[in-house]
Amino acid sequence: MKRGLLLLLLAWLLSATAWAHKPSDSYLTLRATQSSSDIAVRWDIALRDLDYVLQLDRDGNGELSWGEVRQRTDDITRLATSRLALSSADKACAWASTAPLALDKHSDGNYAVLSLSAQCEGLTREVKTAYSLFFDVDPTHRGLVQWIAPGSNQAQALIFGTESASQSLALQPAGAWETLSQYVVEGVWHIWIGYDHILFLLALLLPAVLVRREGRWEPAPRLGGAVREVFKVVTAFTLAHSITLSLAALEVVTLPSRLVESAIAASVIVAALNNLRGTLDNRRWVMAFVFGLIHGFGFASVLADLGLPQDALVLALVGFNVGVELGQLAIVAVFLPLAFWLRATRFYRVGILKGGSVWVALLAAWWLAQRLFDL
């Protein structure tokens, strides 16, 4: 049973999509004003998702041109507005385009940008929303929303998913606690779907329940020693990525997205291959800190895509970072007891540590090739 649970955990990670860092998302900014009952909407939708549903690539060459996208403006707009319903006072708001279709680039590629207006008869206590874009073809798809209430310059973060497709937008500005809690949830979610971050951390933790003697891995005699190893690695990783996440989010230091994502994939390879040689047996925390600095820039790119509320920048940053740590601790809490119980078995020392590390290195090598050459 224990062995099966650990295998299930590893299989889930290894079955991650090759472009593991970035799932299917769309980005919405909805802004209401006190002087109007209309809601201004900017909606960024990934071209790769639109191409999958609408077959935008007419010549089938695997590349989308601006002409191919622009010719389908009406179809893109029709698809989007049919998958997002807004209503106030139990009356549906009508859609209207306010600007031509545009393109923008996010950390994971090009997006079509729709500029719309939701024309409501009157804004009362709340605006009801129902979102269903791409849920029929990708249940993991999410809509990431920045809602700006009338009379406020502070954005409230919301997430549309299959379990939260219908939500209400409050007409009163969000308080500090709501902003903090929203970004904590987003931080937890991001680390759980950030397969490259998880695999890097697990690659460093796999040997924590073992000790190396005369070139061989042997089971650690006590749980306390394994806990100390885990604590050092997790603390070093947390400290490092918190530093660079903060610097990048505050725009003190910025790095090109492709460079960051490629370096993250390379860090997974190095961590996995180290398990085969045991080169940094007692100094894995050093590797966790050094590469954790790079992972922090990866976290920051996601936070930037979400859109940080400038009036609550520190709260959003703290909330997101706390969420990442909580999600990380949840993973460790599941992994460590299972690994310790199995540490004395050949299944763990050969199948999981060595075999799993080889598979992780190969998967990360594929990510590296994708990210370096923009495949």
Protein backbone atom coordinates (compact mmCIF):
# COMPACT_ATOMS: atom_id res chain seq x y z
CA MET A 1 0.00 0.00 0.00
CA LYS A 2 2.78 2.43 0.96
CA ARG A 3 4.76 1.45 -2.11
CA GLY A 4 1.70 1.98 -4.28
CA LEU A 5 1.12 5.46 -2.87
CA LEU A 6 4.68 6.51 -3.58
CA LEU A 7 4.49 5.08 -7.10
CA LEU A 8 1.24 6.96 -7.67
CA LEU A 9 2.85 10.21 -6.55
CA LEU A 10 5.83 9.75 -8.87
CA ALA A 11 3.66 8.63 -11.78
CA TRP A 12 1.53 11.76 -11.42
CA LEU A 13 4.62 13.94 -11.58
CA LEU A 14 6.25 12.07 -14.44
CA SER A 15 3.07 12.16 -16.50
CA ALA A 16 3.12 15.96 -16.45
CA THR A 17 2.96 17.71 -19.78
CA ALA A 18 6.30 18.52 -21.38
CA TRP A 19 5.71 22.27 -21.06
CA ALA A 20 5.17 21.64 -17.40
CA HIS A 21 5.59 25.07 -15.90
CA LYS A 22 2.58 26.73 -17.48
CA PRO A 23 -0.91 25.24 -17.69
CA SER A 24 -3.79 26.60 -19.76
CA ASP A 25 -4.86 29.99 -18.42
CA SER A 26 -6.64 33.06 -19.70
CA TYR A 27 -6.36 36.50 -18.11
CA LEU A 28 -9.24 38.89 -17.54
CA THR A 29 -9.20 42.43 -16.20
CA LEU A 30 -12.68 43.73 -15.40
CA ARG A 31 -13.01 47.38 -14.40
CA ALA A 32 -16.18 49.11 -13.23
CA THR A 33 -16.58 52.84 -12.61
CA GLN A 34 -18.97 54.83 -10.44
CA SER A 35 -20.03 57.01 -13.37
CA SER A 36 -21.18 54.17 -15.64
CA SER A 37 -23.03 50.86 -15.51
CA ASP A 38 -20.69 49.38 -18.13
CA ILE A 39 -17.76 47.12 -17.24
CA ALA A 40 -14.58 47.42 -19.30
CA VAL A 41 -13.04 44.01 -20.01
CA ARG A 42 -9.58 43.11 -21.29
CA TRP A 43 -9.31 39.39 -22.01
CA ASP A 44 -6.02 37.70 -22.94
CA ILE A 45 -6.47 34.20 -24.41
CA ALA A 46 -3.57 31.95 -25.43
CA LEU A 47 -3.27 31.49 -29.19
CA ARG A 48 -2.33 27.83 -28.69
CA ASP A 49 -5.68 27.23 -26.96
CA LEU A 50 -7.64 29.14 -29.59
CA ASP A 51 -5.85 27.23 -32.35
CA TYR A 52 -6.75 23.92 -30.72
CA VAL A 53 -10.45 24.80 -30.62
CA LEU A 54 -10.85 26.96 -33.74
CA GLN A 55 -8.04 25.56 -35.96
CA LEU A 56 -6.58 29.00 -36.70
CA ASP A 57 -3.55 27.57 -38.52
CA ARG A 58 -5.18 27.31 -41.94
CA ASP A 59 -2.06 26.37 -43.93
CA GLY A 60 -1.10 23.69 -41.40
CA ASN A 61 2.55 24.78 -41.15
CA GLY A 62 2.55 24.67 -37.35
CA GLU A 63 2.93 28.45 -37.02
CA LEU A 64 0.29 31.13 -36.58
CA SER A 65 0.60 34.35 -38.56
CA TRP A 66 -1.07 37.61 -37.61
CA GLY A 67 -3.16 37.34 -40.77
CA GLU A 68 -4.51 33.91 -39.78
CA VAL A 69 -5.46 35.21 -36.34
CA ARG A 70 -6.95 38.50 -37.53
CA GLN A 71 -9.17 36.77 -40.12
CA ARG A 72 -10.85 34.86 -37.29
CA THR A 73 -11.50 37.89 -35.07
CA ASP A 74 -15.27 37.40 -35.15
CA ASP A 75 -14.98 33.71 -34.33
CA ILE A 76 -12.62 34.40 -31.42
CA THR A 77 -14.89 37.10 -30.04
CA ARG A 78 -17.98 34.94 -30.45
CA LEU A 79 -16.33 32.01 -28.68
CA ALA A 80 -15.15 34.14 -25.78
CA THR A 81 -18.37 36.05 -25.16
CA SER A 82 -20.40 32.84 -25.33
CA ARG A 83 -18.28 31.40 -22.51
CA LEU A 84 -18.50 34.34 -20.08
CA ALA A 85 -21.83 35.63 -18.80
CA LEU A 86 -22.17 38.74 -16.62
CA SER A 87 -25.40 39.86 -15.02
CA SER A 88 -26.55 42.49 -12.56
CA ALA A 89 -29.95 42.81 -10.90
CA ASP A 90 -30.83 39.47 -12.53
CA LYS A 91 -30.43 40.96 -16.01
CA ALA A 92 -27.75 39.81 -18.42
CA CYS A 93 -25.16 42.31 -19.57
CA ALA A 94 -24.67 42.73 -23.33
CA TRP A 95 -21.28 42.47 -25.01
CA ALA A 96 -19.70 45.03 -27.33
CA SER A 97 -16.18 45.30 -28.76
CA THR A 98 -14.35 48.53 -27.94
CA ALA A 99 -11.09 48.05 -29.87
CA PRO A 100 -9.66 45.81 -32.62
CA LEU A 101 -8.16 42.45 -31.73
CA ALA A 102 -4.54 42.76 -30.57
CA LEU A 103 -1.68 40.48 -29.58
CA ASP A 104 0.40 40.40 -26.40
CA LYS A 105 3.17 38.13 -25.15
CA HIS A 106 3.07 36.36 -21.79
CA SER A 107 5.73 34.18 -20.22
CA ASP A 108 4.46 31.13 -22.13
CA GLY A 109 3.75 32.55 -25.56
CA ASN A 110 1.48 34.84 -27.58
CA TYR A 111 -2.06 35.75 -26.56
CA ALA A 112 -4.98 37.29 -28.40
CA VAL A 113 -6.24 40.40 -26.58
CA LEU A 114 -9.94 41.20 -26.69
CA SER A 115 -11.10 44.66 -25.61
CA LEU A 116 -14.78 44.45 -24.65
CA SER A 117 -17.48 46.26 -22.79
CA ALA A 118 -20.16 44.48 -20.76
CA GLN A 119 -23.14 46.81 -20.95
CA CYS A 120 -25.35 46.34 -17.89
CA GLU A 121 -28.62 48.09 -17.15
CA GLY A 122 -27.40 49.02 -13.69
CA LEU A 123 -24.84 47.88 -11.15
CA THR A 124 -26.47 47.00 -7.83
CA ARG A 125 -25.00 45.00 -4.94
CA GLU A 126 -22.93 42.56 -7.00
CA VAL A 127 -22.17 41.32 -10.49
CA LYS A 128 -22.77 37.61 -11.09
CA THR A 129 -20.41 35.80 -13.43
CA ALA A 130 -20.35 32.39 -15.12
CA TYR A 131 -17.16 31.29 -16.92
CA SER A 132 -16.69 28.20 -19.10
CA LEU A 133 -13.93 28.96 -21.62
CA PHE A 134 -12.19 25.69 -22.69
CA PHE A 135 -13.61 23.65 -19.81
CA ASP A 136 -15.12 21.25 -22.34
CA VAL A 137 -11.69 20.42 -23.84
CA ASP A 138 -9.42 21.04 -20.83
CA PRO A 139 -10.86 20.61 -17.31
CA THR A 140 -7.64 22.04 -15.82
CA HIS A 141 -8.06 25.37 -17.62
CA ARG A 142 -8.45 28.45 -15.42
CA GLY A 143 -9.54 32.02 -15.86
CA LEU A 144 -7.41 34.41 -13.79
CA VAL A 145 -9.36 37.56 -13.02
CA GLN A 146 -8.43 41.01 -11.80
CA TRP A 147 -11.66 42.71 -10.68
CA ILE A 148 -11.55 46.46 -10.00
CA ALA A 149 -14.68 47.60 -8.19
CA PRO A 150 -16.24 51.06 -8.71
CA GLY A 151 -14.28 53.77 -6.91
CA SER A 152 -11.24 51.55 -6.31
CA ASN A 153 -7.80 51.36 -7.86
CA GLN A 154 -7.05 48.07 -6.13
CA ALA A 155 -7.59 44.84 -8.04
CA GLN A 156 -9.17 41.81 -6.42
CA ALA A 157 -7.83 38.46 -7.66
CA LEU A 158 -10.31 35.71 -8.55
CA ILE A 159 -9.84 32.31 -10.17
CA PHE A 160 -12.38 30.60 -12.40
CA GLY A 161 -12.04 26.82 -12.53
CA THR A 162 -14.36 23.89 -13.12
CA GLU A 163 -15.22 23.92 -9.40
CA SER A 164 -15.55 27.72 -9.24
CA ALA A 165 -17.09 28.59 -12.59
CA SER A 166 -19.77 30.85 -11.11
CA GLN A 167 -18.78 33.67 -8.77
CA SER A 168 -19.99 37.08 -7.66
CA LEU A 169 -18.01 40.30 -7.97
CA ALA A 170 -18.47 42.57 -4.98
CA LEU A 171 -19.04 46.23 -5.76
CA GLN A 172 -17.19 47.21 -2.60
CA PRO A 173 -13.36 47.23 -2.81
CA ALA A 174 -11.66 44.16 -1.35
CA GLY A 175 -10.11 44.48 2.10
CA ALA A 176 -6.58 43.59 3.11
CA TRP A 177 -7.55 40.14 4.39
CA GLU A 178 -9.32 39.24 1.14
CA THR A 179 -6.30 40.28 -0.93
CA LEU A 180 -3.90 38.34 1.28
CA SER A 181 -6.00 35.17 1.30
CA GLN A 182 -6.57 35.26 -2.46
CA TYR A 183 -2.84 35.31 -3.19
CA VAL A 184 -2.14 32.62 -0.58
CA VAL A 185 -4.52 30.32 -2.47
CA GLU A 186 -2.85 31.22 -5.77
CA GLY A 187 0.59 30.46 -4.32
CA VAL A 188 -0.53 27.03 -3.10
CA TRP A 189 -2.07 26.24 -6.47
CA HIS A 190 1.00 27.33 -8.38
CA ILE A 191 3.46 25.12 -6.53
CA TRP A 192 1.10 22.15 -6.93
CA ILE A 193 0.97 22.59 -10.72
CA GLY A 194 4.62 23.69 -11.03
CA TYR A 195 5.92 20.22 -11.86
CA ASP A 196 9.45 21.44 -12.55
CA HIS A 197 9.65 23.07 -9.10
CA ILE A 198 8.26 19.94 -7.43
CA LEU A 199 10.60 17.57 -9.26
CA PHE A 200 13.62 19.71 -8.36
CA LEU A 201 12.64 19.64 -4.70
CA LEU A 202 11.85 15.91 -4.67
CA ALA A 203 15.10 15.09 -6.47
CA LEU A 204 16.95 16.79 -3.61
CA LEU A 205 14.82 15.07 -0.97
CA LEU A 206 14.97 11.48 -2.28
CA PRO A 207 18.37 10.78 -0.61
CA ALA A 208 17.32 12.44 2.67
CA VAL A 209 16.15 9.11 4.13
CA LEU A 210 19.45 7.44 3.19
CA VAL A 211 23.11 7.78 4.14
CA ARG A 212 26.04 7.15 1.82
CA ARG A 213 28.76 4.80 3.07
CA GLU A 214 31.63 3.53 0.95
CA GLY A 215 29.95 4.68 -2.23
CA ARG A 216 26.63 2.96 -1.47
CA TRP A 217 23.26 4.24 -0.26
CA GLU A 218 22.07 2.72 3.03
CA PRO A 219 18.90 3.44 5.05
CA ALA A 220 19.13 6.28 7.58
CA PRO A 221 19.02 4.84 11.11
CA ARG A 222 16.67 7.46 12.58
CA LEU A 223 13.82 9.63 11.37
CA GLY A 224 15.33 12.64 13.14
CA GLY A 225 18.36 12.64 10.83
CA ALA A 226 16.12 12.50 7.76
CA VAL A 227 13.99 15.35 9.10
CA ARG A 228 17.10 17.50 9.61
CA GLU A 229 18.21 16.87 6.02
CA VAL A 230 14.78 17.77 4.72
CA PHE A 231 14.69 20.87 6.90
CA LYS A 232 18.03 22.13 5.56
CA VAL A 233 17.05 21.58 1.93
CA VAL A 234 13.57 23.09 2.23
CA THR A 235 14.79 26.07 4.26
CA ALA A 236 17.57 26.84 1.77
CA PHE A 237 15.18 26.54 -1.19
CA THR A 238 12.56 28.71 0.53
CA LEU A 239 15.02 31.44 1.50
CA ALA A 240 16.56 31.58 -1.96
CA HIS A 241 13.39 31.73 -4.02
CA SER A 242 11.83 34.22 -1.59
CA ILE A 243 14.74 36.59 -2.22
CA THR A 244 14.52 36.54 -6.00
CA LEU A 245 10.72 36.38 -6.06
CA SER A 246 10.63 39.64 -4.08
CA LEU A 247 13.33 41.32 -6.17
CA ALA A 248 11.64 40.38 -9.44
CA ALA A 249 8.12 41.24 -8.29
CA LEU A 250 9.32 44.67 -7.15
CA GLU A 251 11.12 45.06 -10.52
CA VAL A 252 14.53 45.46 -8.88
CA VAL A 253 15.98 42.60 -10.97
CA THR A 254 14.48 41.06 -14.11
CA LEU A 255 15.71 38.21 -16.32
CA PRO A 256 14.47 36.95 -19.71
CA SER A 257 11.73 34.34 -19.31
CA ARG A 258 13.34 31.80 -21.67
CA LEU A 259 16.63 32.00 -19.78
CA VAL A 260 14.88 31.48 -16.44
CA GLU A 261 12.74 28.58 -17.61
CA SER A 262 15.71 26.89 -19.27
CA ALA A 263 17.83 27.27 -16.14
CA ILE A 264 15.02 25.77 -14.03
CA ALA A 265 14.91 22.70 -16.31
CA ALA A 266 18.72 22.43 -16.07
CA SER A 267 18.52 22.58 -12.27
CA VAL A 268 16.20 19.56 -12.27
CA ILE A 269 18.69 17.62 -14.41
CA VAL A 270 21.61 18.45 -12.10
CA ALA A 271 19.66 17.56 -8.95
CA ALA A 272 18.53 14.23 -10.41
CA LEU A 273 21.94 13.20 -11.73
CA ASN A 274 23.54 14.04 -8.39
CA ASN A 275 21.50 11.20 -6.87
CA LEU A 276 23.32 8.73 -9.11
CA ARG A 277 26.79 9.88 -8.06
CA GLY A 278 26.22 11.28 -4.56
CA THR A 279 28.63 14.15 -5.27
CA LEU A 280 26.90 16.61 -2.91
CA ASP A 281 25.76 14.09 -0.33
CA ASN A 282 25.75 16.34 2.72
CA ARG A 283 25.55 19.64 0.88
CA ARG A 284 22.34 19.32 -1.07
CA TRP A 285 21.11 22.41 0.76
CA VAL A 286 23.79 24.39 -1.13
CA MET A 287 22.33 23.21 -4.44
CA ALA A 288 18.84 24.03 -3.15
CA PHE A 289 19.90 27.59 -2.34
CA VAL A 290 21.85 28.28 -5.54
CA PHE A 291 19.18 26.95 -7.89
CA GLY A 292 16.41 28.25 -5.64
CA LEU A 293 17.48 31.75 -6.67
CA ILE A 294 16.59 30.86 -10.27
CA HIS A 295 13.30 29.23 -9.28
CA GLY A 296 12.31 32.47 -7.57
CA PHE A 297 12.36 34.25 -10.92
CA GLY A 298 10.07 31.52 -12.27
CA PHE A 299 7.59 32.13 -9.46
CA ALA A 300 7.77 35.86 -10.16
CA SER A 301 6.82 35.42 -13.83
CA VAL A 302 3.60 33.70 -12.77
CA LEU A 303 2.89 36.43 -10.24
CA ALA A 304 3.46 39.07 -12.92
CA ASP A 305 1.03 37.28 -15.26
CA LEU A 306 -1.59 37.35 -12.51
CA GLY A 307 -1.22 41.10 -12.25
CA LEU A 308 -0.12 42.58 -8.95
CA PRO A 309 -2.44 45.17 -7.35
CA GLN A 310 -0.23 48.22 -6.95
CA ASP A 311 -2.14 49.45 -3.89
CA ALA A 312 -1.56 46.12 -2.15
CA LEU A 313 1.73 45.02 -3.66
CA VAL A 314 3.33 43.88 -0.42
CA LEU A 315 0.22 42.00 0.70
CA ALA A 316 -0.05 40.17 -2.62
CA LEU A 317 3.66 39.33 -2.59
CA VAL A 318 3.58 38.05 0.98
CA GLY A 319 0.38 36.08 0.37
CA PHE A 320 1.73 34.41 -2.77
CA ASN A 321 5.01 33.49 -1.08
CA VAL A 322 3.22 32.09 1.97
CA GLY A 323 1.00 30.05 -0.34
CA VAL A 324 4.02 28.61 -2.14
CA GLU A 325 5.53 27.56 1.19
CA LEU A 326 2.29 25.99 2.42
CA GLY A 327 1.92 24.03 -0.80
CA GLN A 328 5.55 22.96 -0.58
CA LEU A 329 5.16 21.78 3.03
CA ALA A 330 2.08 19.77 2.08
CA ILE A 331 4.10 17.91 -0.55
CA VAL A 332 6.92 17.23 1.92
CA ALA A 333 4.43 16.04 4.55
CA VAL A 334 3.15 13.39 2.13
CA PHE A 335 6.53 12.38 0.74
CA LEU A 336 8.71 12.09 3.86
CA PRO A 337 6.78 9.44 5.84
CA LEU A 338 6.36 7.26 2.75
CA ALA A 339 10.02 7.55 1.81
CA PHE A 340 11.20 6.79 5.35
CA TRP A 341 9.03 3.66 5.61
CA LEU A 342 10.40 2.38 2.29
CA ARG A 343 14.04 3.47 2.72
CA ALA A 344 15.36 -0.01 3.58
CA THR A 345 13.86 -1.68 0.51
CA ARG A 346 15.62 -2.29 -2.78
CA PHE A 347 12.50 -0.89 -4.41
CA TYR A 348 13.27 2.53 -2.92
CA ARG A 349 17.06 2.56 -3.24
CA VAL A 350 17.14 1.24 -6.80
CA GLY A 351 13.68 1.72 -8.28
CA ILE A 352 12.78 5.11 -6.80
CA LEU A 353 16.12 6.79 -6.08
CA LYS A 354 18.10 5.63 -9.11
CA GLY A 355 15.36 4.74 -11.58
CA GLY A 356 13.23 7.74 -10.64
CA SER A 357 16.23 10.08 -10.89
CA VAL A 358 16.99 8.83 -14.40
CA TRP A 359 13.40 9.41 -15.49
CA VAL A 360 13.38 12.88 -13.92
CA ALA A 361 16.64 13.79 -15.67
CA LEU A 362 15.29 12.62 -19.04
CA LEU A 363 12.03 14.50 -18.62
CA ALA A 364 13.85 17.67 -17.56
CA ALA A 365 16.21 17.30 -20.55
CA TRP A 366 13.15 17.37 -22.82
CA TRP A 367 11.89 20.49 -21.04
CA LEU A 368 15.31 22.09 -21.48
CA ALA A 369 15.31 21.40 -25.23
CA GLN A 370 11.80 22.80 -25.56
CA ARG A 371 12.61 25.96 -23.67
CA LEU A 372 16.02 26.62 -25.24
CA PHE A 373 14.78 26.20 -28.80
CA ASP A 374 11.18 27.36 -28.25
CA LEU A 375 9.75 24.09 -29.58
